[in-house]
Protein backbone atom coordinates (compact mmCIF):
# COMPACT_ATOMS: atom_id res chain seq x y z
CA MET A 1 11.19 -21.78 2.66
CA ALA A 2 9.95 -19.35 5.07
CA ARG A 3 10.36 -16.69 2.15
CA ALA A 4 7.51 -18.06 0.20
CA GLY A 5 4.54 -17.30 3.54
CA ALA A 6 6.36 -14.21 3.39
CA SER A 7 5.58 -13.44 0.12
CA MET A 8 2.11 -14.74 0.13
CA LEU A 9 2.21 -11.66 3.61
CA GLU A 10 3.84 -8.87 0.61
CA ASN A 11 1.25 -9.76 -1.44
CA VAL A 12 -1.77 -9.69 0.59
CA GLU A 13 -0.04 -6.04 2.37
CA LEU A 14 -0.18 -4.75 -1.79
CA PHE A 15 -3.84 -5.83 -2.03
CA ALA A 16 -4.35 -3.68 1.71
CA ALA A 17 -2.36 -1.25 0.62
CA ALA A 18 -3.86 -0.91 -2.95
CA LEU A 19 -7.66 -0.87 -1.65
CA ALA A 20 -6.40 2.10 1.02
CA ILE A 21 -5.79 3.99 -2.04
CA LEU A 22 -8.66 3.44 -3.67
CA ALA A 23 -10.68 3.87 -0.64
CA GLY A 24 -9.19 7.51 0.26
CA ALA A 25 -9.53 8.49 -3.87
CA ALA A 26 -13.02 7.63 -3.40
CA LEU A 27 -13.30 9.63 -0.01
CA LEU A 28 -11.71 12.42 -1.16
CA TYR A 29 -13.80 12.72 -4.45
CA ASP A 30 -16.81 12.46 -2.14
CA ALA A 31 -15.62 15.31 0.53
CA SER A 32 -14.60 17.71 -2.31
CA THR A 33 -17.35 17.51 -3.99
CA THR A 34 -20.37 17.49 -0.99
CA ARG A 35 -20.67 20.82 1.49
CA ASP A 36 -22.25 18.97 4.87
CA VAL A 37 -20.85 19.33 8.13
CA GLY A 38 -18.51 15.58 8.00
CA ALA A 39 -16.89 16.74 4.51
CA SER A 40 -13.67 18.30 5.94
CA TYR A 41 -13.38 14.91 8.51
CA ARG A 42 -13.70 12.87 4.81
CA LEU A 43 -11.03 14.84 3.69
CA PHE A 44 -8.74 14.20 6.51
CA VAL A 45 -9.53 10.26 6.58
CA ALA A 46 -8.91 11.02 3.12
CA ALA A 47 -5.91 11.61 2.88
CA VAL A 48 -5.16 9.43 5.96
CA ALA A 49 -5.81 6.27 3.97
CA LEU A 50 -4.37 8.03 0.65
CA ALA A 51 -0.69 8.28 1.85
CA GLY A 52 -1.01 5.25 4.19
CA GLY A 53 -1.46 2.85 1.04
CA LEU A 54 0.72 4.87 -0.98
CA ILE A 55 3.31 4.85 1.91
CA THR A 56 2.19 0.78 2.14
CA GLY A 57 2.72 0.11 -1.11
CA ALA A 58 6.17 1.94 -1.74
CA LEU A 59 7.66 -0.55 1.71
CA VAL A 60 6.36 -3.19 0.21
CA THR A 61 7.37 -3.07 -3.35
CA ARG A 62 10.98 -1.96 -2.28
CA SER A 63 10.86 -5.03 0.53
CA LYS A 64 10.60 -7.63 -2.34
CA LEU A 65 13.21 -5.84 -4.96
CA HIS A 66 15.29 -6.06 -2.74
CA TRP A 67 14.86 -9.36 -1.70
CA ARG A 68 14.69 -10.62 -5.42
CA ARG A 69 18.11 -8.76 -5.23
CA ILE A 70 19.69 -11.44 -2.71
CA GLN A 71 17.55 -14.29 -4.20
CA LYS A 72 20.49 -13.90 -7.14
CA GLN A 73 22.81 -13.41 -5.93
CA ASN A 74 22.72 -16.49 -3.67
CA ARG A 75 21.62 -17.75 -7.04
CA ASP A 76 25.33 -17.16 -8.60
CA ASP A 77 27.37 -17.40 -5.94
CA ALA A 78 25.86 -21.64 -6.22
């Protein structure tokens, strides 16, 4: 029963990761097309957001797949 709540949290984490990836991509595009003083700062923030989103998405997906494998094993044992 506790796994259902964890699944919802994983979905929220995946949504947040997707938002971070989109925000990072948008900031990368904006920083690469402008030549103002804050462009290097936006480029750094974009890289951090993009990397954070990709890493979070990969780790959450790996966790979901791991738990599905465990649940399948438990169903096969029963």
